[in-house]
Amino acid sequence: MSAPILALRAALRTTLNAAGLALYDEARDAVMPYASFGEWSAKLWNDGIIEMVEHRFAIHVWSRAPGDAEALDLAGRIANIIDEDVPPAPFIHWLVKAHEIRRPTREGIRNATLRVTALAEYSRGDA
């Protein structure tokens, strides 16, 4: 089931890169603010007519700026790009389910999280 995850990640990266935003798997040395993939699950389901993959994943935004504005602004920009600019095919439906913000760590790092669900068409060669 890794191929559908990798395909969707590639589509997200391509679209965000075109908008001047980078999306990392892990960004130990990235300049803040930056965004990275969080947890991800993919579930295959079939309604008798079409087979789909339901993706549920998180995108984390990291910031050192004081206050929550920078992290939430970048998370909002990413959510808008996902809603408006990521190519719809083969993806059927996007739903940004939540924006979350966490209190800063002792180092002053803030984390905003987008929780996203995407339903994508599935072909047997993708699994």
C-alpha atoms as a PDB file:
ATOM      1  CA  MET A   1       0.000   0.000   0.000  1.00  0.00           C
ATOM      2  CA  SER A   2       3.034   2.313  -0.087  1.00  0.00           C
ATOM      3  CA  ALA A   3       2.634   3.376  -3.753  1.00  0.00           C
ATOM      4  CA  PRO A   4      -0.608   5.366  -3.211  1.00  0.00           C
ATOM      5  CA  ILE A   5       0.990   7.164  -0.255  1.00  0.00           C
ATOM      6  CA  LEU A   6       4.095   8.025  -2.267  1.00  0.00           C
ATOM      7  CA  ALA A   7       2.000   9.199  -5.240  1.00  0.00           C
ATOM      8  CA  LEU A   8      -0.075  11.528  -3.093  1.00  0.00           C
ATOM      9  CA  ARG A   9       3.005  12.864  -1.307  1.00  0.00           C
ATOM     10  CA  ALA A  10       4.607  13.596  -4.692  1.00  0.00           C
ATOM     11  CA  ALA A  11       1.491  15.483  -5.867  1.00  0.00           C
ATOM     12  CA  LEU A  12       1.455  17.545  -2.666  1.00  0.00           C
ATOM     13  CA  ARG A  13       5.173  18.333  -2.916  1.00  0.00           C
ATOM     14  CA  THR A  14       4.936  19.348  -6.575  1.00  0.00           C
ATOM     15  CA  THR A  15       2.007  21.687  -5.960  1.00  0.00           C
ATOM     16  CA  LEU A  16       3.472  23.266  -2.822  1.00  0.00           C
ATOM     17  CA  ASN A  17       6.898  23.680  -4.459  1.00  0.00           C
ATOM     18  CA  ALA A  18       5.210  25.530  -7.350  1.00  0.00           C
ATOM     19  CA  ALA A  19       3.761  27.893  -4.732  1.00  0.00           C
ATOM     20  CA  GLY A  20       7.218  28.444  -3.217  1.00  0.00           C
ATOM     21  CA  LEU A  21       6.655  26.180  -0.196  1.00  0.00           C
ATOM     22  CA  ALA A  22       8.727  23.129   0.688  1.00  0.00           C
ATOM     23  CA  LEU A  23       7.229  20.053   2.348  1.00  0.00           C
ATOM     24  CA  TYR A  24       9.729  17.729   4.008  1.00  0.00           C
ATOM     25  CA  ASP A  25       9.653  14.139   5.224  1.00  0.00           C
ATOM     26  CA  GLU A  26      11.968  15.210   8.008  1.00  0.00           C
ATOM     27  CA  ALA A  27      13.687  18.566   8.168  1.00  0.00           C
ATOM     28  CA  ARG A  28      16.318  18.567  10.853  1.00  0.00           C
ATOM     29  CA  ASP A  29      18.255  21.482   9.328  1.00  0.00           C
ATOM     30  CA  ALA A  30      15.438  23.407   7.598  1.00  0.00           C
ATOM     31  CA  VAL A  31      15.068  27.111   8.213  1.00  0.00           C
ATOM     32  CA  MET A  32      11.886  27.873  10.141  1.00  0.00           C
ATOM     33  CA  PRO A  33       9.088  28.176   9.422  1.00  0.00           C
ATOM     34  CA  TYR A  34       8.765  24.925   7.519  1.00  0.00           C
ATOM     35  CA  ALA A  35       6.279  22.117   6.962  1.00  0.00           C
ATOM     36  CA  SER A  36       6.751  18.361   7.233  1.00  0.00           C
ATOM     37  CA  PHE A  37       4.670  15.241   6.840  1.00  0.00           C
ATOM     38  CA  GLY A  38       3.385  13.690  10.044  1.00  0.00           C
ATOM     39  CA  GLU A  39       1.623  10.408  10.629  1.00  0.00           C
ATOM     40  CA  TRP A  40      -0.104   8.859   7.618  1.00  0.00           C
ATOM     41  CA  SER A  41      -2.545   6.005   7.129  1.00  0.00           C
ATOM     42  CA  ALA A  42      -4.047   4.598   3.957  1.00  0.00           C
ATOM     43  CA  LYS A  43      -7.022   2.271   3.861  1.00  0.00           C
ATOM     44  CA  LEU A  44      -8.342   0.494   0.776  1.00  0.00           C
ATOM     45  CA  TRP A  45     -12.103   0.241   0.485  1.00  0.00           C
ATOM     46  CA  ASN A  46     -14.580  -0.864  -2.150  1.00  0.00           C
ATOM     47  CA  ASP A  47     -18.220   0.214  -2.409  1.00  0.00           C
ATOM     48  CA  GLY A  48     -19.005  -2.382  -5.081  1.00  0.00           C
ATOM     49  CA  ILE A  49     -18.611   0.116  -7.913  1.00  0.00           C
ATOM     50  CA  ILE A  50     -15.225   1.717  -7.399  1.00  0.00           C
ATOM     51  CA  GLU A  51     -12.179   0.956  -5.293  1.00  0.00           C
ATOM     52  CA  MET A  52     -10.772   3.863  -3.321  1.00  0.00           C
ATOM     53  CA  VAL A  53      -7.900   4.592  -0.976  1.00  0.00           C
ATOM     54  CA  GLU A  54      -8.745   6.715   2.029  1.00  0.00           C
ATOM     55  CA  HIS A  55      -5.691   8.679   3.139  1.00  0.00           C
ATOM     56  CA  ARG A  56      -5.591  10.292   6.569  1.00  0.00           C
ATOM     57  CA  PHE A  57      -2.490  12.302   7.285  1.00  0.00           C
ATOM     58  CA  ALA A  58      -1.026  15.244   9.117  1.00  0.00           C
ATOM     59  CA  ILE A  59       1.113  18.110   7.919  1.00  0.00           C
ATOM     60  CA  HIS A  60       3.076  19.801  10.693  1.00  0.00           C
ATOM     61  CA  VAL A  61       4.165  23.430  10.508  1.00  0.00           C
ATOM     62  CA  TRP A  62       7.095  24.449  12.707  1.00  0.00           C
ATOM     63  CA  SER A  63       7.888  28.023  13.752  1.00  0.00           C
ATOM     64  CA  ARG A  64      10.110  29.892  16.215  1.00  0.00           C
ATOM     65  CA  ALA A  65       8.266  33.199  15.840  1.00  0.00           C
ATOM     66  CA  PRO A  66       6.648  34.575  18.983  1.00  0.00           C
ATOM     67  CA  GLY A  67       2.910  33.970  19.063  1.00  0.00           C
ATOM     68  CA  ASP A  68       0.890  31.566  16.974  1.00  0.00           C
ATOM     69  CA  ALA A  69       0.334  33.767  13.907  1.00  0.00           C
ATOM     70  CA  GLU A  70       3.256  32.593  11.744  1.00  0.00           C
ATOM     71  CA  ALA A  71       2.563  28.875  12.229  1.00  0.00           C
ATOM     72  CA  LEU A  72      -1.190  29.265  11.734  1.00  0.00           C
ATOM     73  CA  ASP A  73      -0.704  31.497   8.684  1.00  0.00           C
ATOM     74  CA  LEU A  74       1.544  28.956   6.968  1.00  0.00           C
ATOM     75  CA  ALA A  75      -0.831  26.112   7.894  1.00  0.00           C
ATOM     76  CA  GLY A  76      -3.704  28.123   6.405  1.00  0.00           C
ATOM     77  CA  ARG A  77      -1.764  28.779   3.194  1.00  0.00           C
ATOM     78  CA  ILE A  78      -1.040  25.065   2.844  1.00  0.00           C
ATOM     79  CA  ALA A  79      -4.713  24.201   3.479  1.00  0.00           C
ATOM     80  CA  ASN A  80      -5.814  26.690   0.799  1.00  0.00           C
ATOM     81  CA  ILE A  81      -3.325  25.264  -1.708  1.00  0.00           C
ATOM     82  CA  ILE A  82      -4.535  21.730  -1.006  1.00  0.00           C
ATOM     83  CA  ASP A  83      -8.163  22.820  -1.460  1.00  0.00           C
ATOM     84  CA  GLU A  84      -7.582  24.852  -4.619  1.00  0.00           C
ATOM     85  CA  ASP A  85      -4.433  23.795  -6.447  1.00  0.00           C
ATOM     86  CA  VAL A  86      -3.612  20.107  -5.989  1.00  0.00           C
ATOM     87  CA  PRO A  87      -4.690  18.377  -9.212  1.00  0.00           C
ATOM     88  CA  PRO A  88      -8.024  16.611  -8.641  1.00  0.00           C
ATOM     89  CA  ALA A  89      -7.274  13.519 -10.734  1.00  0.00           C
ATOM     90  CA  PRO A  90      -7.025  10.820  -9.579  1.00  0.00           C
ATOM     91  CA  PHE A  91      -8.025  12.339  -6.246  1.00  0.00           C
ATOM     92  CA  ILE A  92     -11.734  12.573  -5.682  1.00  0.00           C
ATOM     93  CA  HIS A  93     -12.154  14.578  -2.519  1.00  0.00           C
ATOM     94  CA  TRP A  94     -10.064  16.602  -0.075  1.00  0.00           C
ATOM     95  CA  LEU A  95     -11.109  17.526   3.409  1.00  0.00           C
ATOM     96  CA  VAL A  96      -8.915  19.566   5.728  1.00  0.00           C
ATOM     97  CA  LYS A  97     -10.422  18.369   8.968  1.00  0.00           C
ATOM     98  CA  ALA A  98      -8.647  20.453  11.565  1.00  0.00           C
ATOM     99  CA  HIS A  99      -6.061  23.064  12.312  1.00  0.00           C
ATOM    100  CA  GLU A 100      -4.395  22.573  15.677  1.00  0.00           C
ATOM    101  CA  ILE A 101      -1.794  24.654  17.491  1.00  0.00           C
ATOM    102  CA  ARG A 102       0.366  23.440  20.360  1.00  0.00           C
ATOM    103  CA  ARG A 103       1.973  25.494  23.061  1.00  0.00           C
ATOM    104  CA  PRO A 104       5.631  26.241  22.392  1.00  0.00           C
ATOM    105  CA  THR A 105       8.337  23.888  23.569  1.00  0.00           C
ATOM    106  CA  ARG A 106      10.982  25.079  26.021  1.00  0.00           C
ATOM    107  CA  GLU A 107      13.065  26.002  22.989  1.00  0.00           C
ATOM    108  CA  GLY A 108      10.240  28.281  21.778  1.00  0.00           C
ATOM    109  CA  ILE A 109       9.202  26.094  18.841  1.00  0.00           C
ATOM    110  CA  ARG A 110       5.516  26.182  17.944  1.00  0.00           C
ATOM    111  CA  ASN A 111       3.718  23.444  16.024  1.00  0.00           C
ATOM    112  CA  ALA A 112       0.550  23.903  13.983  1.00  0.00           C
ATOM    113  CA  THR A 113      -0.947  20.739  12.513  1.00  0.00           C
ATOM    114  CA  LEU A 114      -3.293  20.200   9.597  1.00  0.00           C
ATOM    115  CA  ARG A 115      -5.302  16.979   9.669  1.00  0.00           C
ATOM    116  CA  VAL A 116      -6.312  15.996   6.145  1.00  0.00           C
ATOM    117  CA  THR A 117      -8.397  13.246   4.566  1.00  0.00           C
ATOM    118  CA  ALA A 118      -8.164  12.478   0.854  1.00  0.00           C
ATOM    119  CA  LEU A 119     -10.137   9.902  -1.081  1.00  0.00           C
ATOM    120  CA  ALA A 120      -8.304   8.698  -4.161  1.00  0.00           C
ATOM    121  CA  GLU A 121      -9.141   6.376  -7.006  1.00  0.00           C
ATOM    122  CA  TYR A 122      -7.318   3.079  -6.740  1.00  0.00           C
ATOM    123  CA  SER A 123      -5.953   0.783  -9.371  1.00  0.00           C
ATOM    124  CA  ARG A 124      -4.665  -2.672  -8.528  1.00  0.00           C
ATOM    125  CA  GLY A 125      -1.206  -1.742  -9.764  1.00  0.00           C
ATOM    126  CA  ASP A 126      -0.911   0.888  -6.991  1.00  0.00           C
ATOM    127  CA  ALA A 127      -0.840  -1.449  -3.986  1.00  0.00           C
END
